Amino acid sequence: MDIKQLKFLIALDETRHFGQAAARCHVTQPTLSMRLRNLEEELELPLVNRGQRFEGFTAPGERVLAWARSVLAAYDGLNAEAAACRGHLVGTLRLGVVPLSSFDPLPLLQQLHREHPNLRFELSSLSSEQILEQLANNRLDLGVSYLERLDNERFEALALSETRMGLLYDQRFFSFDEAPLSWEALIELPLGLLTSGMHFRQSIDHNFHSRSLTPQPLLQTDAVHQLVQAVHGGLCCAIMPLDGGLEALTEHLRLQPIEQAQTLAALGLIMRRGAPRSALAEACFSMYRQSPRPS
């Protein structure tokens, strides 16, 4: 058994196609198939259901796949740790961010890239529960998530700036003066909102309900990009993080502040406390601590 076989197994899971997995691993399809059969023979277990094409993993294959991910993460972490000891950062920084976070990771990633040009980045939009689960399982190096009920024995966190909310609109279809908008004024507008249950939506609902207001959204979606597209098309306005930079996506978008509009829970930059802890995460934590941030 070697690392390449485990990489082949993971590539097959991610592509669900023998040919695409082989291309991703820069080998021929017969080579990939042969190495996976060698792995099955060594483990004395069938791992892959084969027909004319890939048909999924066997039950033992799913269990082996979970271990393969852990082993490969540890292998990558070992290389990153060794490079960090030499004063370099290599590998892939895996960052998970909750939807509609006011934290803009781009400046931090740009600084890391300037100082460590061999570093790569993997950015995922995940729920707060998924972020904590993947941090615990070493599938993420860092997370940006809500700090409420965070297990401080398992995770270390740096609090981020307070998330304020504003109204995103397209100035070709809507117009407002410079004064912050009231929640009472918002109820009269065609609103697009994230679906109920999403953390940012919970904060929106709390602000409405605490004022005895009941929104009737024109559009609800769990996809942020669809919400922005609907705003850009003039279908609706949307309540978004005020400092998320969304208004810079096109020349027509604007963000209007809303009175007394904060999220219920603070956001934080989170990494796991237990070993193996990512050298990339620790470097990112240190860099964020030292960087100037708005008050």
C-alpha atoms as a PDB file:
ATOM      1  CA  MET A   1       0.000   0.000   0.000  1.00  0.00           C
ATOM      2  CA  ASP A   2       1.267   3.480  -0.835  1.00  0.00           C
ATOM      3  CA  ILE A   3       0.040   7.067  -0.862  1.00  0.00           C
ATOM      4  CA  LYS A   4      -0.624   7.027  -4.609  1.00  0.00           C
ATOM      5  CA  GLN A   5      -3.155   4.228  -4.245  1.00  0.00           C
ATOM      6  CA  LEU A   6      -5.026   6.238  -1.627  1.00  0.00           C
ATOM      7  CA  LYS A   7      -4.930   9.303  -3.879  1.00  0.00           C
ATOM      8  CA  PHE A   8      -6.386   7.214  -6.701  1.00  0.00           C
ATOM      9  CA  LEU A   9      -9.180   6.020  -4.413  1.00  0.00           C
ATOM     10  CA  ILE A  10     -10.058   9.563  -3.325  1.00  0.00           C
ATOM     11  CA  ALA A  11      -9.915  10.876  -6.899  1.00  0.00           C
ATOM     12  CA  LEU A  12     -12.345   8.161  -7.947  1.00  0.00           C
ATOM     13  CA  ASP A  13     -14.719   9.185  -5.174  1.00  0.00           C
ATOM     14  CA  GLU A  14     -14.552  12.856  -6.161  1.00  0.00           C
ATOM     15  CA  THR A  15     -14.975  12.319  -9.920  1.00  0.00           C
ATOM     16  CA  ARG A  16     -17.161   9.150  -9.855  1.00  0.00           C
ATOM     17  CA  HIS A  17     -15.499   8.220 -13.150  1.00  0.00           C
ATOM     18  CA  PHE A  18     -12.446   6.026 -13.840  1.00  0.00           C
ATOM     19  CA  GLY A  19     -11.195   8.071 -16.792  1.00  0.00           C
ATOM     20  CA  GLN A  20     -11.579  11.419 -15.041  1.00  0.00           C
ATOM     21  CA  ALA A  21      -9.914  10.081 -11.893  1.00  0.00           C
ATOM     22  CA  ALA A  22      -6.978   8.827 -13.948  1.00  0.00           C
ATOM     23  CA  ALA A  23      -6.641  12.189 -15.724  1.00  0.00           C
ATOM     24  CA  ARG A  24      -6.680  14.037 -12.402  1.00  0.00           C
ATOM     25  CA  CYS A  25      -3.893  11.789 -11.111  1.00  0.00           C
ATOM     26  CA  HIS A  26      -1.907  12.080 -14.375  1.00  0.00           C
ATOM     27  CA  VAL A  27      -1.926   8.335 -15.092  1.00  0.00           C
ATOM     28  CA  THR A  28      -3.659   6.154 -17.644  1.00  0.00           C
ATOM     29  CA  GLN A  29      -6.984   4.539 -16.811  1.00  0.00           C
ATOM     30  CA  PRO A  30      -5.526   0.991 -16.945  1.00  0.00           C
ATOM     31  CA  THR A  31      -2.807   2.052 -14.481  1.00  0.00           C
ATOM     32  CA  LEU A  32      -5.359   3.498 -12.066  1.00  0.00           C
ATOM     33  CA  SER A  33      -7.579   0.414 -12.298  1.00  0.00           C
ATOM     34  CA  MET A  34      -4.623  -1.926 -11.783  1.00  0.00           C
ATOM     35  CA  ARG A  35      -3.367  -0.043  -8.717  1.00  0.00           C
ATOM     36  CA  LEU A  36      -6.833  -0.070  -7.161  1.00  0.00           C
ATOM     37  CA  ARG A  37      -7.123  -3.813  -7.760  1.00  0.00           C
ATOM     38  CA  ASN A  38      -3.724  -4.244  -6.107  1.00  0.00           C
ATOM     39  CA  LEU A  39      -5.048  -2.341  -3.100  1.00  0.00           C
ATOM     40  CA  GLU A  40      -8.123  -4.580  -2.952  1.00  0.00           C
ATOM     41  CA  GLU A  41      -5.922  -7.669  -3.078  1.00  0.00           C
ATOM     42  CA  GLU A  42      -3.663  -6.367  -0.323  1.00  0.00           C
ATOM     43  CA  LEU A  43      -6.614  -5.545   1.936  1.00  0.00           C
ATOM     44  CA  GLU A  44      -8.493  -8.693   0.861  1.00  0.00           C
ATOM     45  CA  LEU A  45     -11.621  -6.593   0.396  1.00  0.00           C
ATOM     46  CA  PRO A  46     -13.702  -5.500  -2.607  1.00  0.00           C
ATOM     47  CA  LEU A  47     -13.660  -1.702  -2.560  1.00  0.00           C
ATOM     48  CA  VAL A  48     -15.274  -0.667  -5.864  1.00  0.00           C
ATOM     49  CA  ASN A  49     -18.458  -1.818  -7.566  1.00  0.00           C
ATOM     50  CA  ARG A  50     -17.529  -2.246 -11.215  1.00  0.00           C
ATOM     51  CA  GLY A  51     -19.738  -2.632 -14.261  1.00  0.00           C
ATOM     52  CA  GLN A  52     -19.256  -1.065 -17.649  1.00  0.00           C
ATOM     53  CA  ARG A  53     -18.518   2.080 -15.631  1.00  0.00           C
ATOM     54  CA  PHE A  54     -17.986   3.130 -12.026  1.00  0.00           C
ATOM     55  CA  GLU A  55     -20.986   2.070  -9.913  1.00  0.00           C
ATOM     56  CA  GLY A  56     -19.952   3.315  -6.497  1.00  0.00           C
ATOM     57  CA  PHE A  57     -18.067   1.879  -3.547  1.00  0.00           C
ATOM     58  CA  THR A  58     -18.846  -1.231  -1.563  1.00  0.00           C
ATOM     59  CA  ALA A  59     -19.671  -0.890   2.133  1.00  0.00           C
ATOM     60  CA  PRO A  60     -16.073  -1.849   3.062  1.00  0.00           C
ATOM     61  CA  GLY A  61     -14.879   0.546   0.369  1.00  0.00           C
ATOM     62  CA  GLU A  62     -16.700   3.455   2.014  1.00  0.00           C
ATOM     63  CA  ARG A  63     -15.000   2.663   5.326  1.00  0.00           C
ATOM     64  CA  VAL A  64     -11.572   2.361   3.703  1.00  0.00           C
ATOM     65  CA  LEU A  65     -12.210   5.622   1.851  1.00  0.00           C
ATOM     66  CA  ALA A  66     -12.762   7.466   5.158  1.00  0.00           C
ATOM     67  CA  TRP A  67      -9.433   6.151   6.450  1.00  0.00           C
ATOM     68  CA  ALA A  68      -7.740   7.044   3.158  1.00  0.00           C
ATOM     69  CA  ARG A  69      -8.831  10.664   3.584  1.00  0.00           C
ATOM     70  CA  SER A  70      -7.443  10.748   7.114  1.00  0.00           C
ATOM     71  CA  VAL A  71      -4.138   9.186   6.059  1.00  0.00           C
ATOM     72  CA  LEU A  72      -3.759  11.557   3.112  1.00  0.00           C
ATOM     73  CA  ALA A  73      -4.581  14.577   5.284  1.00  0.00           C
ATOM     74  CA  ALA A  74      -1.929  13.441   7.778  1.00  0.00           C
ATOM     75  CA  TYR A  75       0.571  12.929   4.930  1.00  0.00           C
ATOM     76  CA  ASP A  76      -0.085  16.412   3.539  1.00  0.00           C
ATOM     77  CA  GLY A  77       0.073  17.823   7.048  1.00  0.00           C
ATOM     78  CA  LEU A  78       3.436  16.164   7.644  1.00  0.00           C
ATOM     79  CA  ASN A  79       4.878  17.719   4.494  1.00  0.00           C
ATOM     80  CA  ALA A  80       3.426  21.113   5.424  1.00  0.00           C
ATOM     81  CA  GLU A  81       4.836  20.822   8.948  1.00  0.00           C
ATOM     82  CA  ALA A  82       8.288  19.932   7.648  1.00  0.00           C
ATOM     83  CA  ALA A  83       8.199  22.874   5.230  1.00  0.00           C
ATOM     84  CA  ALA A  84       7.049  25.203   8.034  1.00  0.00           C
ATOM     85  CA  CYS A  85      10.044  24.100  10.116  1.00  0.00           C
ATOM     86  CA  ARG A  86      12.214  25.195   7.191  1.00  0.00           C
ATOM     87  CA  GLY A  87      10.464  28.580   7.113  1.00  0.00           C
ATOM     88  CA  HIS A  88       8.184  27.843   4.143  1.00  0.00           C
ATOM     89  CA  LEU A  89       4.486  27.136   3.723  1.00  0.00           C
ATOM     90  CA  VAL A  90       3.437  24.609   1.082  1.00  0.00           C
ATOM     91  CA  GLY A  91       0.359  22.552   0.356  1.00  0.00           C
ATOM     92  CA  THR A  92      -3.291  23.604   0.329  1.00  0.00           C
ATOM     93  CA  LEU A  93      -4.944  25.762   2.977  1.00  0.00           C
ATOM     94  CA  ARG A  94      -8.515  24.457   3.343  1.00  0.00           C
ATOM     95  CA  LEU A  95     -10.860  27.191   4.552  1.00  0.00           C
ATOM     96  CA  GLY A  96     -14.592  26.806   5.213  1.00  0.00           C
ATOM     97  CA  VAL A  97     -16.786  29.912   5.495  1.00  0.00           C
ATOM     98  CA  VAL A  98     -20.446  30.199   6.499  1.00  0.00           C
ATOM     99  CA  PRO A  99     -22.720  31.795   3.864  1.00  0.00           C
ATOM    100  CA  LEU A 100     -22.959  35.598   4.008  1.00  0.00           C
ATOM    101  CA  SER A 101     -20.042  35.998   6.347  1.00  0.00           C
ATOM    102  CA  SER A 102     -18.879  39.589   6.720  1.00  0.00           C
ATOM    103  CA  PHE A 103     -15.302  38.256   6.803  1.00  0.00           C
ATOM    104  CA  ASP A 104     -13.534  38.790   3.486  1.00  0.00           C
ATOM    105  CA  PRO A 105     -10.778  36.153   3.248  1.00  0.00           C
ATOM    106  CA  LEU A 106      -9.202  37.674   0.131  1.00  0.00           C
ATOM    107  CA  PRO A 107      -6.741  40.090   1.823  1.00  0.00           C
ATOM    108  CA  LEU A 108      -5.456  37.307   4.060  1.00  0.00           C
ATOM    109  CA  LEU A 109      -5.113  34.863   1.140  1.00  0.00           C
ATOM    110  CA  GLN A 110      -3.379  37.513  -0.954  1.00  0.00           C
ATOM    111  CA  GLN A 111      -0.835  38.161   1.790  1.00  0.00           C
ATOM    112  CA  LEU A 112      -0.220  34.449   2.262  1.00  0.00           C
ATOM    113  CA  HIS A 113       0.231  34.016  -1.484  1.00  0.00           C
ATOM    114  CA  ARG A 114       2.705  36.905  -1.698  1.00  0.00           C
ATOM    115  CA  GLU A 115       4.821  35.518   1.128  1.00  0.00           C
ATOM    116  CA  HIS A 116       4.427  31.841   0.190  1.00  0.00           C
ATOM    117  CA  PRO A 117       3.840  31.555  -3.586  1.00  0.00           C
ATOM    118  CA  ASN A 118       3.789  27.735  -3.504  1.00  0.00           C
ATOM    119  CA  LEU A 119       0.758  27.739  -1.207  1.00  0.00           C
ATOM    120  CA  ARG A 120      -2.638  26.829  -2.698  1.00  0.00           C
ATOM    121  CA  PHE A 121      -6.127  27.516  -1.379  1.00  0.00           C
ATOM    122  CA  GLU A 122      -9.384  25.583  -1.166  1.00  0.00           C
ATOM    123  CA  LEU A 123     -12.388  27.720  -0.162  1.00  0.00           C
ATOM    124  CA  SER A 124     -15.741  26.122   0.716  1.00  0.00           C
ATOM    125  CA  SER A 125     -19.122  27.580   1.668  1.00  0.00           C
ATOM    126  CA  LEU A 126     -20.474  25.392   4.485  1.00  0.00           C
ATOM    127  CA  SER A 127     -22.941  25.513   7.345  1.00  0.00           C
ATOM    128  CA  SER A 128     -21.596  26.186  10.844  1.00  0.00           C
ATOM    129  CA  GLU A 129     -22.216  22.533  11.761  1.00  0.00           C
ATOM    130  CA  GLN A 130     -20.324  21.280   8.708  1.00  0.00           C
ATOM    131  CA  ILE A 131     -17.388  23.576   9.443  1.00  0.00           C
ATOM    132  CA  LEU A 132     -16.972  22.293  13.002  1.00  0.00           C
ATOM    133  CA  GLU A 133     -17.362  18.680  11.888  1.00  0.00           C
ATOM    134  CA  GLN A 134     -14.755  19.030   9.148  1.00  0.00           C
ATOM    135  CA  LEU A 135     -12.357  20.874  11.438  1.00  0.00           C
ATOM    136  CA  ALA A 136     -12.689  18.056  13.964  1.00  0.00           C
ATOM    137  CA  ASN A 137     -12.089  15.448  11.242  1.00  0.00           C
ATOM    138  CA  ASN A 138      -9.069  17.334   9.858  1.00  0.00           C
ATOM    139  CA  ARG A 139     -10.790  17.950   6.517  1.00  0.00           C
ATOM    140  CA  LEU A 140     -10.497  21.718   7.030  1.00  0.00           C
ATOM    141  CA  ASP A 141      -7.583  23.717   8.366  1.00  0.00           C
ATOM    142  CA  LEU A 142      -9.581  26.823   9.270  1.00  0.00           C
ATOM    143  CA  GLY A 143     -13.195  27.846   9.547  1.00  0.00           C
ATOM    144  CA  VAL A 144     -15.081  31.122   9.700  1.00  0.00           C
ATOM    145  CA  SER A 145     -18.201  30.384  11.708  1.00  0.00           C
ATOM    146  CA  TYR A 146     -20.399  31.530  14.579  1.00  0.00           C
ATOM    147  CA  LEU A 147     -18.945  31.366  18.063  1.00  0.00           C
ATOM    148  CA  GLU A 148     -22.123  30.585  19.991  1.00  0.00           C
ATOM    149  CA  ARG A 149     -21.895  27.231  21.783  1.00  0.00           C
ATOM    150  CA  LEU A 150     -18.341  26.699  20.499  1.00  0.00           C
ATOM    151  CA  ASP A 151     -16.523  23.925  22.363  1.00  0.00           C
ATOM    152  CA  ASN A 152     -13.457  25.832  23.538  1.00  0.00           C
ATOM    153  CA  GLU A 153     -11.748  22.645  24.683  1.00  0.00           C
ATOM    154  CA  ARG A 154     -11.702  21.340  21.107  1.00  0.00           C
ATOM    155  CA  PHE A 155     -11.374  24.578  19.132  1.00  0.00           C
ATOM    156  CA  GLU A 156      -9.398  27.801  19.341  1.00  0.00           C
ATOM    157  CA  ALA A 157     -11.010  30.975  17.971  1.00  0.00           C
ATOM    158  CA  LEU A 158     -10.235  34.583  17.147  1.00  0.00           C
ATOM    159  CA  ALA A 159     -13.292  36.827  17.294  1.00  0.00           C
ATOM    160  CA  LEU A 160     -13.973  38.784  14.093  1.00  0.00           C
ATOM    161  CA  SER A 161     -15.540  42.209  13.723  1.00  0.00           C
ATOM    162  CA  GLU A 162     -19.250  42.543  14.432  1.00  0.00           C
ATOM    163  CA  THR A 163     -21.449  41.700  11.443  1.00  0.00           C
ATOM    164  CA  ARG A 164     -23.768  44.564  10.548  1.00  0.00           C
ATOM    165  CA  MET A 165     -26.542  44.253   7.986  1.00  0.00           C
ATOM    166  CA  GLY A 166     -27.532  46.423   5.051  1.00  0.00           C
ATOM    167  CA  LEU A 167     -29.954  46.349   2.141  1.00  0.00           C
ATOM    168  CA  LEU A 168     -28.467  45.274  -1.186  1.00  0.00           C
ATOM    169  CA  TYR A 169     -30.277  46.787  -4.166  1.00  0.00           C
ATOM    170  CA  ASP A 170     -29.736  47.723  -7.798  1.00  0.00           C
ATOM    171  CA  GLN A 171     -29.882  51.488  -8.264  1.00  0.00           C
ATOM    172  CA  ARG A 172     -31.457  51.071 -11.702  1.00  0.00           C
ATOM    173  CA  PHE A 173     -34.623  49.783 -10.028  1.00  0.00           C
ATOM    174  CA  PHE A 174     -34.627  51.235  -6.495  1.00  0.00           C
ATOM    175  CA  SER A 175     -33.550  54.490  -4.879  1.00  0.00           C
ATOM    176  CA  PHE A 176     -33.038  55.496  -1.232  1.00  0.00           C
ATOM    177  CA  ASP A 177     -31.667  58.564   0.511  1.00  0.00           C
ATOM    178  CA  GLU A 178     -28.497  58.373   2.595  1.00  0.00           C
ATOM    179  CA  ALA A 179     -30.182  57.753   5.947  1.00  0.00           C
ATOM    180  CA  PRO A 180     -30.110  54.190   7.373  1.00  0.00           C
ATOM    181  CA  LEU A 181     -33.279  52.266   6.613  1.00  0.00           C
ATOM    182  CA  SER A 182     -35.695  51.176   9.326  1.00  0.00           C
ATOM    183  CA  TRP A 183     -36.978  47.622   9.626  1.00  0.00           C
ATOM    184  CA  GLU A 184     -40.479  49.034   9.215  1.00  0.00           C
ATOM    185  CA  ALA A 185     -39.471  50.440   5.813  1.00  0.00           C
ATOM    186  CA  LEU A 186     -38.010  47.102   4.729  1.00  0.00           C
ATOM    187  CA  ILE A 187     -41.314  45.306   5.229  1.00  0.00           C
ATOM    188  CA  GLU A 188     -42.779  47.349   2.369  1.00  0.00           C
ATOM    189  CA  LEU A 189     -40.122  46.254  -0.132  1.00  0.00           C
ATOM    190  CA  PRO A 190     -39.946  43.136  -2.347  1.00  0.00           C
ATOM    191  CA  LEU A 191     -37.412  41.133  -0.366  1.00  0.00           C
ATOM    192  CA  GLY A 192     -35.251  38.183  -1.299  1.00  0.00           C
ATOM    193  CA  LEU A 193     -34.037  36.180   1.702  1.00  0.00           C
ATOM    194  CA  LEU A 194     -32.043  33.075   2.456  1.00  0.00           C
ATOM    195  CA  THR A 195     -34.221  30.117   3.356  1.00  0.00           C
ATOM    196  CA  SER A 196     -35.419  29.639   6.934  1.00  0.00           C
ATOM    197  CA  GLY A 197     -33.003  27.776   9.182  1.00  0.00           C
ATOM    198  CA  MET A 198     -29.860  29.345   7.761  1.00  0.00           C
ATOM    199  CA  HIS A 199     -28.004  31.247  10.457  1.00  0.00           C
ATOM    200  CA  PHE A 200     -28.018  34.636   8.736  1.00  0.00           C
ATOM    201  CA  ARG A 201     -31.765  34.302   8.085  1.00  0.00           C
ATOM    202  CA  GLN A 202     -32.327  33.624  11.789  1.00  0.00           C
ATOM    203  CA  SER A 203     -30.771  36.993  12.603  1.00  0.00           C
ATOM    204  CA  ILE A 204     -32.976  38.701  10.016  1.00  0.00           C
ATOM    205  CA  ASP A 205     -36.118  37.054  11.390  1.00  0.00           C
ATOM    206  CA  HIS A 206     -35.153  38.024  14.938  1.00  0.00           C
ATOM    207  CA  ASN A 207     -34.819  41.686  13.962  1.00  0.00           C
ATOM    208  CA  PHE A 208     -38.232  41.651  12.282  1.00  0.00           C
ATOM    209  CA  HIS A 209     -40.066  39.680  14.967  1.00  0.00           C
ATOM    210  CA  SER A 210     -38.616  41.708  17.850  1.00  0.00           C
ATOM    211  CA  ARG A 211     -40.386  44.685  16.268  1.00  0.00           C
ATOM    212  CA  SER A 212     -43.635  42.725  15.744  1.00  0.00           C
ATOM    213  CA  LEU A 213     -43.040  42.660  11.989  1.00  0.00           C
ATOM    214  CA  THR A 214     -43.639  39.675   9.712  1.00  0.00           C
ATOM    215  CA  PRO A 215     -41.763  39.690   6.388  1.00  0.00           C
ATOM    216  CA  GLN A 216     -43.369  38.209   3.291  1.00  0.00           C
ATOM    217  CA  PRO A 217     -40.342  37.535   1.073  1.00  0.00           C
ATOM    218  CA  LEU A 218     -40.839  37.554  -2.658  1.00  0.00           C
ATOM    219  CA  LEU A 219     -37.968  35.089  -3.082  1.00  0.00           C
ATOM    220  CA  GLN A 220     -36.301  32.575  -0.785  1.00  0.00           C
ATOM    221  CA  THR A 221     -33.193  30.603  -1.754  1.00  0.00           C
ATOM    222  CA  ASP A 222     -30.300  28.764  -0.120  1.00  0.00           C
ATOM    223  CA  ALA A 223     -27.885  29.982  -2.829  1.00  0.00           C
ATOM    224  CA  VAL A 224     -26.248  33.367  -2.270  1.00  0.00           C
ATOM    225  CA  HIS A 225     -25.325  33.801  -5.937  1.00  0.00           C
ATOM    226  CA  GLN A 226     -28.974  33.342  -6.981  1.00  0.00           C
ATOM    227  CA  LEU A 227     -30.014  35.972  -4.453  1.00  0.00           C
ATOM    228  CA  VAL A 228     -27.462  38.437  -5.843  1.00  0.00           C
ATOM    229  CA  GLN A 229     -28.605  37.659  -9.396  1.00  0.00           C
ATOM    230  CA  ALA A 230     -32.226  38.369  -8.422  1.00  0.00           C
ATOM    231  CA  VAL A 231     -31.200  41.717  -6.918  1.00  0.00           C
ATOM    232  CA  HIS A 232     -29.163  42.581  -9.996  1.00  0.00           C
ATOM    233  CA  GLY A 233     -32.168  41.760 -12.179  1.00  0.00           C
ATOM    234  CA  GLY A 234     -34.415  44.096 -10.213  1.00  0.00           C
ATOM    235  CA  LEU A 235     -36.697  41.374  -8.880  1.00  0.00           C
ATOM    236  CA  CYS A 236     -36.041  42.212  -5.248  1.00  0.00           C
ATOM    237  CA  CYS A 237     -33.752  43.711  -2.627  1.00  0.00           C
ATOM    238  CA  ALA A 238     -31.834  41.560  -0.144  1.00  0.00           C
ATOM    239  CA  ILE A 239     -30.561  41.933   3.414  1.00  0.00           C
ATOM    240  CA  MET A 240     -26.828  41.218   3.333  1.00  0.00           C
ATOM    241  CA  PRO A 241     -23.686  41.794   5.427  1.00  0.00           C
ATOM    242  CA  LEU A 242     -22.871  45.486   5.244  1.00  0.00           C
ATOM    243  CA  ASP A 243     -19.115  44.948   4.976  1.00  0.00           C
ATOM    244  CA  GLY A 244     -19.086  41.916   2.687  1.00  0.00           C
ATOM    245  CA  GLY A 245     -18.115  43.805  -0.461  1.00  0.00           C
ATOM    246  CA  LEU A 246     -21.113  42.589  -2.476  1.00  0.00           C
ATOM    247  CA  GLU A 247     -21.853  46.072  -3.817  1.00  0.00           C
ATOM    248  CA  ALA A 248     -18.529  45.985  -5.663  1.00  0.00           C
ATOM    249  CA  LEU A 249     -19.608  43.084  -7.887  1.00  0.00           C
ATOM    250  CA  THR A 250     -21.174  45.434 -10.456  1.00  0.00           C
ATOM    251  CA  GLU A 251     -21.399  49.199 -10.891  1.00  0.00           C
ATOM    252  CA  HIS A 252     -25.157  49.125 -10.247  1.00  0.00           C
ATOM    253  CA  LEU A 253     -25.291  47.431  -6.845  1.00  0.00           C
ATOM    254  CA  ARG A 254     -25.482  49.447  -3.648  1.00  0.00           C
ATOM    255  CA  LEU A 255     -25.622  48.562   0.070  1.00  0.00           C
ATOM    256  CA  GLN A 256     -27.733  50.785   2.308  1.00  0.00           C
ATOM    257  CA  PRO A 257     -27.197  50.553   6.099  1.00  0.00           C
ATOM    258  CA  ILE A 258     -30.101  49.341   8.255  1.00  0.00           C
ATOM    259  CA  GLU A 259     -30.780  50.784  11.703  1.00  0.00           C
ATOM    260  CA  GLN A 260     -29.764  48.604  14.658  1.00  0.00           C
ATOM    261  CA  ALA A 261     -28.981  45.608  12.445  1.00  0.00           C
ATOM    262  CA  GLN A 262     -26.520  43.083  13.811  1.00  0.00           C
ATOM    263  CA  THR A 263     -26.391  39.314  13.635  1.00  0.00           C
ATOM    264  CA  LEU A 264     -27.334  37.345  16.741  1.00  0.00           C
ATOM    265  CA  ALA A 265     -23.938  35.668  17.165  1.00  0.00           C
ATOM    266  CA  ALA A 266     -20.369  36.823  16.622  1.00  0.00           C
ATOM    267  CA  LEU A 267     -18.183  35.291  13.935  1.00  0.00           C
ATOM    268  CA  GLY A 268     -14.743  33.862  14.582  1.00  0.00           C
ATOM    269  CA  LEU A 269     -11.745  32.395  12.817  1.00  0.00           C
ATOM    270  CA  ILE A 270     -11.564  28.839  14.171  1.00  0.00           C
ATOM    271  CA  MET A 271      -9.018  26.015  14.170  1.00  0.00           C
ATOM    272  CA  ARG A 272      -8.797  22.755  16.054  1.00  0.00           C
ATOM    273  CA  ARG A 273      -6.746  22.512  19.246  1.00  0.00           C
ATOM    274  CA  GLY A 274      -5.863  18.832  19.054  1.00  0.00           C
ATOM    275  CA  ALA A 275      -3.048  17.211  17.117  1.00  0.00           C
ATOM    276  CA  PRO A 276      -2.390  16.933  14.309  1.00  0.00           C
ATOM    277  CA  ARG A 277      -2.916  20.682  14.012  1.00  0.00           C
ATOM    278  CA  SER A 278      -2.264  22.279  10.667  1.00  0.00           C
ATOM    279  CA  ALA A 279       0.885  24.375  10.347  1.00  0.00           C
ATOM    280  CA  LEU A 280      -0.978  26.336   7.682  1.00  0.00           C
ATOM    281  CA  ALA A 281      -3.789  27.123  10.128  1.00  0.00           C
ATOM    282  CA  GLU A 282      -1.325  28.284  12.781  1.00  0.00           C
ATOM    283  CA  ALA A 283       0.469  30.554  10.299  1.00  0.00           C
ATOM    284  CA  CYS A 284      -2.861  32.000   9.165  1.00  0.00           C
ATOM    285  CA  PHE A 285      -3.921  32.608  12.773  1.00  0.00           C
ATOM    286  CA  SER A 286      -0.654  34.382  13.504  1.00  0.00           C
ATOM    287  CA  MET A 287      -0.904  36.519  10.376  1.00  0.00           C
ATOM    288  CA  TYR A 288      -4.490  37.535  11.172  1.00  0.00           C
ATOM    289  CA  ARG A 289      -3.538  38.492  14.746  1.00  0.00           C
ATOM    290  CA  GLN A 290      -0.839  40.813  13.420  1.00  0.00           C
ATOM    291  CA  SER A 291      -2.870  42.376  10.595  1.00  0.00           C
ATOM    292  CA  PRO A 292      -4.628  45.737  11.088  1.00  0.00           C
ATOM    293  CA  ARG A 293      -8.408  45.328  11.300  1.00  0.00           C
ATOM    294  CA  PRO A 294     -11.267  47.782  11.444  1.00  0.00           C
ATOM    295  CA  SER A 295     -12.665  48.411  14.914  1.00  0.00           C
END
